[in-house]
Amino acid sequence: MAAATHAPTPSGSIKRIVAASLIGTTIEWYDFFLYGSAAALVFNTLFFPSVDPLVGTLIAFITYAIGFAARPLGGVVFGHFGDRVGRKKLLVISLLMMGGATFAMGLLPTYGTIGIGAPILLTVLRLVQGFALGGEWGGAVLIVSEHGGEKHRGFWASWPQAGAPGGNLLATGVLALLAAFQSDAAFQSWGWRIPFLLSGVLVVIGLWIRVSVSESPVFLAAQAKAEAAAAQGAKDEAPVVEVFRRSWREVLSAIGTRFGENISYYILTSFLLVYVTVHLELPKSTALNAVLIGSAVHFVTIPLWGALSDRIGRRPVTLIGSVGMAVWAFVFFGLVDSTSFPVITLAVTAGLLLHGAMYGPQAAFISEMFDTKVRYSGASMGSQLASIVAGALAPIIAVELLKDYGSATPVSLYLCAAALVTTLTVLVTRETRGRDLSRSRTEATSAAPAVPAGGPAGGPA
């Protein structure tokens, strides 16, 4: 029965499941990143007016960070129900919540119209966005990871990861298009609303595709086993409780693995918009187009990194990215300071390539750390707790460092330190490639033959 349960999903089916996860994740990240881009470009004046442009931007990024604060709560709630009733239903709910909040942002009156009520309403909608995204990531990567077999899990599971640059590509592309065909005055007045209202159309498309996929077979088998045990009087703890009691080390590993990846991404994209437009005083199209090109390359190469992790392991590929990013942190701003568009684009693209080496294998790596009955909760909590201590604070810290020192050198040191945290975490984390997700860690350990360190079960404990 276990072997049958774990049989890989047929090629056509897994492609449909991957497409549904990728499209849904792209839409959700489009919604989430759109706020970050708008915070750097227009929200600082429309919702948080200030004499000093950097101060207004800093306040806008604080509300941006509030969305991250809601993500762990979303991870806990969605993880609990995702481990109890299934991955698919929660993915539909998260998409509806995210799309509805983003569409509503496009209808908001500004500070000049209703005063303090405008930033309050914006902040509430940002909290809804964060809550929804907190549940999205775990479900999207798990439903793909649990449908596929061990051999190509890194490749298939990396496609929902590509939804992040896909969403950023879409958000930045729409903003860049508007910037090219609208005057700054028109964009500030009403043009910025168009990308937010577009979310309503995208959500309808995403739902149409997402409701067609089947539930994870690994989850269904685990659910049947839990129901049989419950019928015999066994009592299960809430998934979140069991995660913190038995899998807290894995949660810490997930946080550390995401730390440098998360910080680097928001510095290379969101903070770059501030640095280029405010510090270097270049047109916003320079930064938007550089991120647009870099995101396109990022989108294509993330699955390649995932495929490489199927061949050589999750840890080696992640280390390529984290060590490379620690070095690139000092090269990146030197290239951006050239003020040359081709050179800035090169800096962003190379940085996102290194980020992809950390991000591509991450879905499979973190999914393989947890047992099925707590996998949604464990993966979501590890991922979303990292978002608070890493991604949420990255633009705020970077802007504050730039404001205080007037130089990018402290930001480079911050980025390098973050990459080294991920490097150290991965060095002390066990390799997960080749794990049978239908087995618990105890069953897998007792059944697996001894293998040399560095093989599927090897690596440091």
Protein backbone atom coordinates (compact mmCIF):
# COMPACT_ATOMS: atom_id res chain seq x y z
CA MET A 1 0.00 0.00 0.00
CA ALA A 2 2.79 2.41 0.87
CA ALA A 3 4.43 1.87 -2.48
CA ALA A 4 1.19 2.42 -4.31
CA THR A 5 0.46 5.53 -2.32
CA HIS A 6 3.86 6.91 -3.17
CA ALA A 7 3.77 6.09 -6.89
CA PRO A 8 4.63 9.24 -8.84
CA THR A 9 1.73 11.02 -10.46
CA PRO A 10 1.53 10.46 -14.26
CA SER A 11 3.45 13.02 -16.33
CA GLY A 12 0.35 14.77 -17.70
CA SER A 13 -1.22 15.08 -14.27
CA ILE A 14 1.90 16.39 -12.55
CA LYS A 15 2.29 19.01 -15.28
CA ARG A 16 -1.29 20.17 -14.73
CA ILE A 17 -0.73 20.32 -10.96
CA VAL A 18 2.52 22.24 -11.42
CA ALA A 19 0.79 24.67 -13.81
CA ALA A 20 -2.03 25.27 -11.32
CA SER A 21 0.41 25.89 -8.47
CA LEU A 22 2.66 28.11 -10.60
CA ILE A 23 -0.18 30.27 -11.94
CA GLY A 24 -1.81 30.65 -8.53
CA THR A 25 1.49 31.42 -6.84
CA THR A 26 2.43 33.93 -9.54
CA ILE A 27 -0.84 35.79 -9.00
CA GLU A 28 -0.42 35.83 -5.23
CA TRP A 29 3.15 37.09 -5.48
CA TYR A 30 2.06 39.66 -8.06
CA ASP A 31 -0.37 41.01 -5.49
CA PHE A 32 2.20 40.97 -2.69
CA PHE A 33 5.08 42.48 -4.67
CA LEU A 34 2.88 45.12 -6.22
CA TYR A 35 2.55 46.67 -2.78
CA GLY A 36 6.34 46.68 -2.33
CA SER A 37 6.90 48.42 -5.65
CA ALA A 38 4.11 50.91 -4.96
CA ALA A 39 5.55 51.58 -1.48
CA ALA A 40 8.83 52.59 -3.09
CA LEU A 41 7.27 54.65 -5.89
CA VAL A 42 3.93 56.23 -4.91
CA PHE A 43 2.61 55.21 -1.47
CA ASN A 44 5.23 57.35 0.26
CA THR A 45 3.52 60.48 -1.08
CA LEU A 46 -0.11 59.36 -1.54
CA PHE A 47 -0.62 57.67 1.83
CA PHE A 48 2.37 58.75 3.96
CA PRO A 49 3.29 62.32 2.91
CA SER A 50 6.50 63.65 4.46
CA VAL A 51 8.97 66.46 3.79
CA ASP A 52 11.89 64.01 3.56
CA PRO A 53 11.35 61.47 0.73
CA LEU A 54 13.36 58.78 2.55
CA VAL A 55 11.26 59.22 5.72
CA GLY A 56 8.02 58.83 3.74
CA THR A 57 9.45 55.78 2.02
CA LEU A 58 10.56 54.35 5.36
CA ILE A 59 7.03 54.67 6.78
CA ALA A 60 5.60 53.08 3.62
CA PHE A 61 7.99 50.16 4.04
CA ILE A 62 6.94 49.76 7.68
CA THR A 63 3.37 49.07 6.53
CA TYR A 64 4.95 46.81 3.89
CA ALA A 65 6.59 44.90 6.76
CA ILE A 66 3.27 44.59 8.58
CA GLY A 67 2.16 42.27 5.81
CA PHE A 68 5.05 40.00 6.72
CA ALA A 69 4.02 40.06 10.38
CA ALA A 70 0.68 38.49 9.43
CA ARG A 71 2.32 35.71 7.43
CA PRO A 72 3.23 33.40 10.36
CA LEU A 73 -0.33 33.65 11.66
CA GLY A 74 -1.56 32.73 8.18
CA GLY A 75 0.94 29.88 8.13
CA VAL A 76 -0.36 28.54 11.46
CA VAL A 77 -4.05 28.79 10.54
CA PHE A 78 -3.72 27.53 6.98
CA GLY A 79 -1.17 24.91 8.07
CA HIS A 80 -3.51 23.54 10.75
CA PHE A 81 -6.45 23.16 8.40
CA GLY A 82 -4.23 22.13 5.49
CA ASP A 83 -2.90 19.23 7.57
CA ARG A 84 -6.43 18.31 8.64
CA VAL A 85 -8.68 18.84 5.59
CA GLY A 86 -6.24 19.01 2.67
CA ARG A 87 -3.98 21.25 0.64
CA LYS A 88 -6.33 22.08 -2.25
CA LYS A 89 -9.18 23.77 -0.34
CA LEU A 90 -6.83 26.08 1.53
CA LEU A 91 -5.08 27.11 -1.68
CA VAL A 92 -8.39 28.29 -3.14
CA ILE A 93 -9.18 30.31 0.01
CA SER A 94 -5.73 31.95 0.08
CA LEU A 95 -6.05 33.04 -3.56
CA LEU A 96 -9.48 34.60 -2.94
CA MET A 97 -8.25 36.49 0.13
CA MET A 98 -5.14 37.82 -1.54
CA GLY A 99 -6.89 38.88 -4.73
CA GLY A 100 -9.76 40.55 -2.89
CA ALA A 101 -7.42 42.61 -0.70
CA THR A 102 -5.32 43.73 -3.64
CA PHE A 103 -8.35 44.70 -5.73
CA ALA A 104 -9.67 46.74 -2.78
CA MET A 105 -6.34 48.62 -2.57
CA GLY A 106 -6.96 49.90 -6.07
CA LEU A 107 -10.20 51.50 -4.86
CA LEU A 108 -8.81 53.20 -1.75
CA PRO A 109 -9.04 56.98 -1.30
CA THR A 110 -5.68 58.62 -0.54
CA TYR A 111 -4.47 60.68 2.43
CA GLY A 112 -5.37 63.87 0.60
CA THR A 113 -9.00 62.72 0.39
CA ILE A 114 -9.81 61.20 3.79
CA GLY A 115 -6.71 61.86 5.88
CA ILE A 116 -5.50 59.30 8.43
CA GLY A 117 -8.21 56.81 7.40
CA ALA A 118 -6.36 56.14 4.14
CA PRO A 119 -3.15 54.65 5.63
CA ILE A 120 -5.22 52.75 8.22
CA LEU A 121 -7.33 51.07 5.53
CA LEU A 122 -4.21 50.37 3.48
CA THR A 123 -2.55 48.73 6.49
CA VAL A 124 -5.59 46.52 7.19
CA LEU A 125 -5.63 45.29 3.59
CA ARG A 126 -1.87 44.67 3.81
CA LEU A 127 -2.50 42.46 6.85
CA VAL A 128 -5.03 40.42 4.84
CA GLN A 129 -2.45 40.05 2.06
CA GLY A 130 0.17 38.79 4.49
CA PHE A 131 -2.23 36.36 6.16
CA ALA A 132 -3.21 34.88 2.79
CA LEU A 133 0.37 34.58 1.54
CA GLY A 134 1.36 32.88 4.79
CA GLY A 135 -0.89 30.00 3.83
CA GLU A 136 -0.15 30.01 0.11
CA TRP A 137 3.49 29.00 0.00
CA GLY A 138 3.23 25.83 2.07
CA GLY A 139 0.19 24.52 0.22
CA ALA A 140 1.51 25.32 -3.25
CA VAL A 141 4.86 23.61 -2.83
CA LEU A 142 3.45 20.66 -0.88
CA ILE A 143 0.74 19.72 -3.34
CA VAL A 144 3.45 19.52 -6.02
CA SER A 145 6.06 17.80 -3.81
CA GLU A 146 3.58 15.18 -2.63
CA HIS A 147 2.33 14.34 -6.13
CA GLY A 148 5.77 13.68 -7.58
CA GLY A 149 8.30 10.97 -6.84
CA GLU A 150 11.71 11.36 -5.25
CA LYS A 151 13.71 11.40 -8.47
CA HIS A 152 12.50 14.74 -9.87
CA ARG A 153 10.95 16.37 -6.79
CA GLY A 154 13.45 19.22 -6.70
CA PHE A 155 12.61 20.14 -10.29
CA TRP A 156 8.81 19.92 -10.02
CA ALA A 157 8.63 21.62 -6.61
CA SER A 158 10.80 24.50 -7.84
CA TRP A 159 8.13 25.63 -10.31
CA PRO A 160 5.85 27.15 -7.63
CA GLN A 161 9.02 28.90 -6.43
CA ALA A 162 9.28 30.45 -9.88
CA GLY A 163 5.94 32.10 -9.09
CA ALA A 164 7.84 34.66 -6.96
CA PRO A 165 9.89 36.11 -9.83
CA GLY A 166 6.91 35.48 -12.09
CA GLY A 167 4.74 37.66 -9.87
CA ASN A 168 7.47 40.26 -9.55
CA LEU A 169 7.97 40.17 -13.31
CA LEU A 170 4.26 40.74 -13.83
CA ALA A 171 4.00 43.50 -11.22
CA THR A 172 7.14 45.29 -12.36
CA GLY A 173 6.17 44.85 -16.01
CA VAL A 174 2.77 46.46 -15.51
CA LEU A 175 4.32 49.34 -13.58
CA ALA A 176 7.07 49.79 -16.18
CA LEU A 177 4.48 49.81 -18.97
CA LEU A 178 2.44 52.46 -17.18
CA ALA A 179 5.58 54.51 -16.50
CA ALA A 180 6.47 54.38 -20.20
CA PHE A 181 3.06 55.53 -21.46
CA GLN A 182 1.94 57.84 -18.66
CA SER A 183 3.28 61.07 -17.30
CA ASP A 184 4.44 61.06 -13.69
CA ALA A 185 1.44 63.24 -12.80
CA ALA A 186 -1.05 60.82 -14.35
CA PHE A 187 0.61 57.83 -12.70
CA GLN A 188 0.50 59.57 -9.30
CA SER A 189 -3.10 60.63 -9.81
CA TRP A 190 -4.78 57.44 -11.02
CA GLY A 191 -2.42 55.23 -13.05
CA TRP A 192 -1.07 53.41 -10.00
CA ARG A 193 -4.56 51.95 -9.38
CA ILE A 194 -4.63 49.95 -12.63
CA PRO A 195 -2.24 47.14 -11.53
CA PHE A 196 -4.22 46.64 -8.31
CA LEU A 197 -7.57 46.45 -10.10
CA LEU A 198 -6.07 44.03 -12.62
CA SER A 199 -5.71 41.55 -9.77
CA GLY A 200 -9.45 40.85 -9.92
CA VAL A 201 -9.14 39.46 -13.45
CA LEU A 202 -6.05 37.43 -12.59
CA VAL A 203 -7.75 35.81 -9.58
CA VAL A 204 -10.65 34.57 -11.73
CA ILE A 205 -8.15 32.91 -14.08
CA GLY A 206 -6.20 31.43 -11.18
CA LEU A 207 -9.29 29.98 -9.50
CA TRP A 208 -10.51 28.41 -12.74
CA ILE A 209 -7.22 26.52 -13.02
CA ARG A 210 -6.63 25.78 -9.34
CA VAL A 211 -10.01 24.14 -8.61
CA SER A 212 -9.32 21.53 -11.32
CA VAL A 213 -6.38 19.83 -9.58
CA SER A 214 -6.63 16.73 -7.41
CA GLU A 215 -5.72 16.50 -3.74
CA SER A 216 -2.28 15.21 -2.75
CA PRO A 217 -2.23 11.36 -2.68
CA VAL A 218 0.32 11.38 0.15
CA PHE A 219 -2.00 13.58 2.23
CA LEU A 220 -5.04 11.37 1.45
CA ALA A 221 -3.15 8.27 2.58
CA ALA A 222 -2.02 9.99 5.79
CA GLN A 223 -5.56 11.25 6.42
CA ALA A 224 -7.01 7.73 6.02
CA LYS A 225 -4.39 6.39 8.43
CA ALA A 226 -5.22 9.12 10.98
CA GLU A 227 -8.96 8.43 10.69
CA ALA A 228 -8.39 4.72 11.26
CA ALA A 229 -6.28 5.48 14.33
CA ALA A 230 -8.95 7.90 15.62
CA ALA A 231 -11.61 5.23 15.22
CA GLN A 232 -9.57 3.04 17.57
CA GLY A 233 -9.44 5.80 20.17
CA ALA A 234 -6.08 7.40 19.35
CA LYS A 235 -5.89 11.16 19.90
CA ASP A 236 -3.86 13.47 17.68
CA GLU A 237 -2.31 16.71 18.86
CA ALA A 238 -2.93 19.87 16.88
CA PRO A 239 -0.32 20.01 14.07
CA VAL A 240 1.18 23.27 15.35
CA VAL A 241 1.68 21.76 18.82
CA GLU A 242 3.28 18.62 17.40
CA VAL A 243 5.60 20.68 15.22
CA PHE A 244 6.98 22.63 18.17
CA ARG A 245 7.25 19.51 20.33
CA ARG A 246 8.90 17.16 17.85
CA SER A 247 10.12 19.16 14.87
CA TRP A 248 11.43 22.45 16.31
CA ARG A 249 14.94 21.71 14.97
CA GLU A 250 13.52 21.43 11.46
CA VAL A 251 11.65 24.72 11.93
CA LEU A 252 14.93 26.41 12.90
CA SER A 253 16.65 24.84 9.89
CA ALA A 254 13.91 26.16 7.60
CA ILE A 255 14.26 29.66 9.10
CA GLY A 256 18.03 29.67 8.68
CA THR A 257 17.82 28.28 5.14
CA ARG A 258 15.47 31.09 4.14
CA PHE A 259 17.25 33.88 6.02
CA GLY A 260 19.86 34.95 3.47
CA GLU A 261 17.61 34.10 0.55
CA ASN A 262 14.78 36.27 1.88
CA ILE A 263 16.92 39.30 2.73
CA SER A 264 18.85 39.20 -0.54
CA TYR A 265 15.68 39.10 -2.63
CA TYR A 266 14.11 42.19 -1.10
CA ILE A 267 17.33 44.15 -1.27
CA LEU A 268 17.90 43.19 -4.91
CA THR A 269 14.35 44.17 -5.88
CA SER A 270 12.37 46.42 -3.50
CA PHE A 271 15.27 48.34 -1.93
CA LEU A 272 16.92 48.74 -5.32
CA LEU A 273 13.96 50.87 -6.45
CA VAL A 274 14.57 53.26 -3.56
CA TYR A 275 18.34 53.30 -4.02
CA VAL A 276 18.16 54.06 -7.73
CA THR A 277 15.35 56.64 -7.63
CA VAL A 278 16.11 58.47 -4.35
CA HIS A 279 19.85 58.03 -3.74
CA LEU A 280 21.11 58.01 -7.34
CA GLU A 281 18.24 60.24 -8.57
CA LEU A 282 17.73 58.18 -11.73
CA PRO A 283 14.34 57.69 -13.45
CA LYS A 284 12.18 54.98 -11.88
CA SER A 285 12.10 53.24 -15.26
CA THR A 286 15.82 52.46 -14.87
CA ALA A 287 15.26 50.37 -11.76
CA LEU A 288 11.95 48.89 -12.96
CA ASN A 289 13.39 47.72 -16.26
CA ALA A 290 16.51 46.29 -14.62
CA VAL A 291 14.35 44.27 -12.20
CA LEU A 292 12.10 43.28 -15.10
CA ILE A 293 14.98 41.76 -17.08
CA GLY A 294 16.54 40.17 -14.00
CA SER A 295 13.21 38.63 -12.98
CA ALA A 296 12.77 37.11 -16.44
CA VAL A 297 16.14 35.34 -16.15
CA HIS A 298 15.35 34.43 -12.54
CA PHE A 299 12.04 32.84 -13.57
CA VAL A 300 13.69 30.63 -16.19
CA THR A 301 16.65 29.51 -14.07
CA ILE A 302 14.92 28.61 -10.78
CA PRO A 303 13.68 25.22 -12.13
CA LEU A 304 17.20 24.55 -13.46
CA TRP A 305 18.60 24.97 -9.95
CA GLY A 306 15.83 22.69 -8.67
CA ALA A 307 16.76 20.05 -11.27
CA LEU A 308 20.42 20.32 -10.30
CA SER A 309 19.47 19.66 -6.67
CA ASP A 310 17.93 16.36 -7.81
CA ARG A 311 21.34 15.35 -9.13
CA ILE A 312 23.79 16.63 -6.51
CA GLY A 313 21.60 17.38 -3.48
CA ARG A 314 19.72 20.29 -1.93
CA ARG A 315 22.61 21.38 0.27
CA PRO A 316 25.35 21.85 -2.38
CA VAL A 317 23.09 23.91 -4.66
CA THR A 318 21.92 26.11 -1.77
CA LEU A 319 25.53 26.67 -0.73
CA ILE A 320 26.43 27.83 -4.25
CA GLY A 321 23.85 30.57 -3.83
CA SER A 322 24.57 31.58 -0.24
CA VAL A 323 28.37 31.70 -0.57
CA GLY A 324 28.07 33.47 -3.91
CA MET A 325 25.67 36.03 -2.45
CA ALA A 326 28.03 36.77 0.45
CA VAL A 327 30.64 37.81 -2.13
CA TRP A 328 28.24 39.50 -4.56
CA ALA A 329 26.96 41.75 -1.77
CA PHE A 330 30.11 43.87 -2.18
CA VAL A 331 30.09 43.83 -5.98
CA PHE A 332 26.40 44.63 -6.43
CA PHE A 333 26.25 48.25 -5.26
CA GLY A 334 29.53 49.13 -6.93
CA LEU A 335 27.97 48.16 -10.24
CA VAL A 336 24.69 49.95 -9.47
CA ASP A 337 26.61 53.13 -8.58
CA SER A 338 27.88 53.24 -12.17
CA THR A 339 24.39 54.64 -13.06
CA SER A 340 24.67 52.75 -16.35
CA PHE A 341 21.47 50.87 -17.18
CA PRO A 342 23.24 47.82 -18.73
CA VAL A 343 25.57 47.56 -15.74
CA ILE A 344 22.71 47.93 -13.23
CA THR A 345 20.81 45.22 -15.12
CA LEU A 346 23.87 42.95 -14.98
CA ALA A 347 24.16 43.53 -11.22
CA VAL A 348 20.51 42.67 -10.61
CA THR A 349 20.48 39.65 -12.94
CA ALA A 350 23.62 38.09 -11.49
CA GLY A 351 22.32 38.66 -7.96
CA LEU A 352 19.00 37.00 -8.79
CA LEU A 353 20.82 34.05 -10.37
CA LEU A 354 22.61 33.47 -7.06
CA HIS A 355 19.34 33.95 -5.20
CA GLY A 356 17.77 31.29 -7.43
CA ALA A 357 20.38 28.76 -6.33
CA MET A 358 19.10 29.21 -2.76
CA TYR A 359 15.44 29.48 -3.74
CA GLY A 360 15.12 26.73 -6.37
CA PRO A 361 15.86 23.70 -4.13
CA GLN A 362 14.14 25.29 -1.12
CA ALA A 363 10.62 23.93 -1.73
CA ALA A 364 11.77 20.32 -1.84
CA PHE A 365 14.39 20.86 0.88
CA ILE A 366 11.93 22.25 3.44
CA SER A 367 9.08 19.89 2.44
CA GLU A 368 11.36 16.90 2.99
CA MET A 369 12.22 18.04 6.52
CA PHE A 370 8.71 17.28 7.91
CA ASP A 371 6.32 14.32 8.19
CA THR A 372 3.08 14.38 6.20
CA LYS A 373 0.69 14.98 9.10
CA VAL A 374 2.51 18.18 10.13
CA ARG A 375 4.19 19.10 6.83
CA TYR A 376 1.91 22.02 5.92
CA SER A 377 2.22 23.47 9.44
CA GLY A 378 5.95 22.89 9.76
CA ALA A 379 6.91 24.14 6.31
CA SER A 380 4.63 27.18 6.60
CA MET A 381 5.84 28.17 10.06
CA GLY A 382 9.52 27.78 9.22
CA SER A 383 9.10 29.72 6.01
CA GLN A 384 6.89 32.50 7.39
CA LEU A 385 8.79 33.04 10.64
CA ALA A 386 11.81 33.66 8.45
CA SER A 387 9.81 36.26 6.56
CA ILE A 388 9.45 38.34 9.75
CA VAL A 389 13.09 38.32 10.84
CA ALA A 390 14.42 38.52 7.28
CA GLY A 391 12.26 39.80 4.42
CA ALA A 392 10.01 42.10 6.45
CA LEU A 393 12.90 44.01 7.95
CA ALA A 394 15.27 43.98 4.97
CA PRO A 395 13.98 47.08 3.12
CA ILE A 396 13.49 48.97 6.41
CA ILE A 397 17.00 48.19 7.65
CA ALA A 398 18.52 48.94 4.25
CA VAL A 399 16.72 52.30 3.94
CA GLU A 400 17.69 53.24 7.50
CA LEU A 401 21.35 52.33 6.86
CA LEU A 402 21.33 54.38 3.66
CA LYS A 403 19.71 57.33 5.46
CA ASP A 404 22.18 57.23 8.36
CA TYR A 405 25.42 56.61 6.42
CA GLY A 406 24.64 57.91 2.93
CA SER A 407 26.48 54.89 1.55
CA ALA A 408 25.65 51.36 0.40
CA THR A 409 28.61 49.78 2.22
CA PRO A 410 26.65 49.06 5.44
CA VAL A 411 23.89 47.50 3.31
CA SER A 412 26.49 45.25 1.66
CA LEU A 413 27.74 44.15 5.09
CA TYR A 414 24.16 43.40 6.16
CA LEU A 415 23.51 41.34 3.02
CA CYS A 416 26.79 39.44 3.41
CA ALA A 417 26.02 38.58 7.06
CA ALA A 418 22.57 37.30 6.08
CA ALA A 419 24.04 35.04 3.39
CA LEU A 420 26.55 33.64 5.89
CA VAL A 421 23.70 32.75 8.30
CA THR A 422 22.15 30.60 5.56
CA THR A 423 25.54 29.10 4.73
CA LEU A 424 26.13 28.00 8.33
CA THR A 425 22.58 26.66 8.67
CA VAL A 426 22.84 24.52 5.55
CA LEU A 427 26.24 23.18 6.60
CA VAL A 428 24.73 21.72 9.79
CA THR A 429 21.47 20.51 8.22
CA ARG A 430 21.02 16.92 7.01
CA GLU A 431 20.64 16.31 3.28
CA THR A 432 17.04 15.41 2.42
CA ARG A 433 17.26 14.43 -1.26
CA GLY A 434 15.68 11.05 -1.94
CA ARG A 435 13.35 10.96 1.06
CA ASP A 436 10.09 8.99 0.68
CA LEU A 437 7.44 11.50 1.77
CA SER A 438 4.90 8.78 2.50
CA ARG A 439 7.08 7.51 5.35
CA SER A 440 7.63 9.24 8.66
CA ARG A 441 11.21 10.14 9.53
CA THR A 442 11.29 7.27 12.03
CA GLU A 443 10.11 4.75 9.43
CA ALA A 444 12.52 6.10 6.83
CA THR A 445 15.48 5.92 9.20
CA SER A 446 14.73 2.37 10.32
CA ALA A 447 14.11 1.13 6.76
CA ALA A 448 16.98 2.88 4.97
CA PRO A 449 20.33 1.10 4.48
CA ALA A 450 23.47 2.90 5.53
CA VAL A 451 24.81 5.26 2.86
CA PRO A 452 27.96 7.32 2.70
CA ALA A 453 27.80 10.92 3.92
CA GLY A 454 26.67 13.16 1.12
CA GLY A 455 24.26 10.56 -0.30
CA PRO A 456 20.49 10.86 -0.04
CA ALA A 457 20.51 10.40 3.73
CA GLY A 458 24.01 11.66 4.37
CA GLY A 459 25.42 14.99 5.45
CA PRO A 460 25.84 16.45 8.89
CA ALA A 461 23.08 15.82 11.41
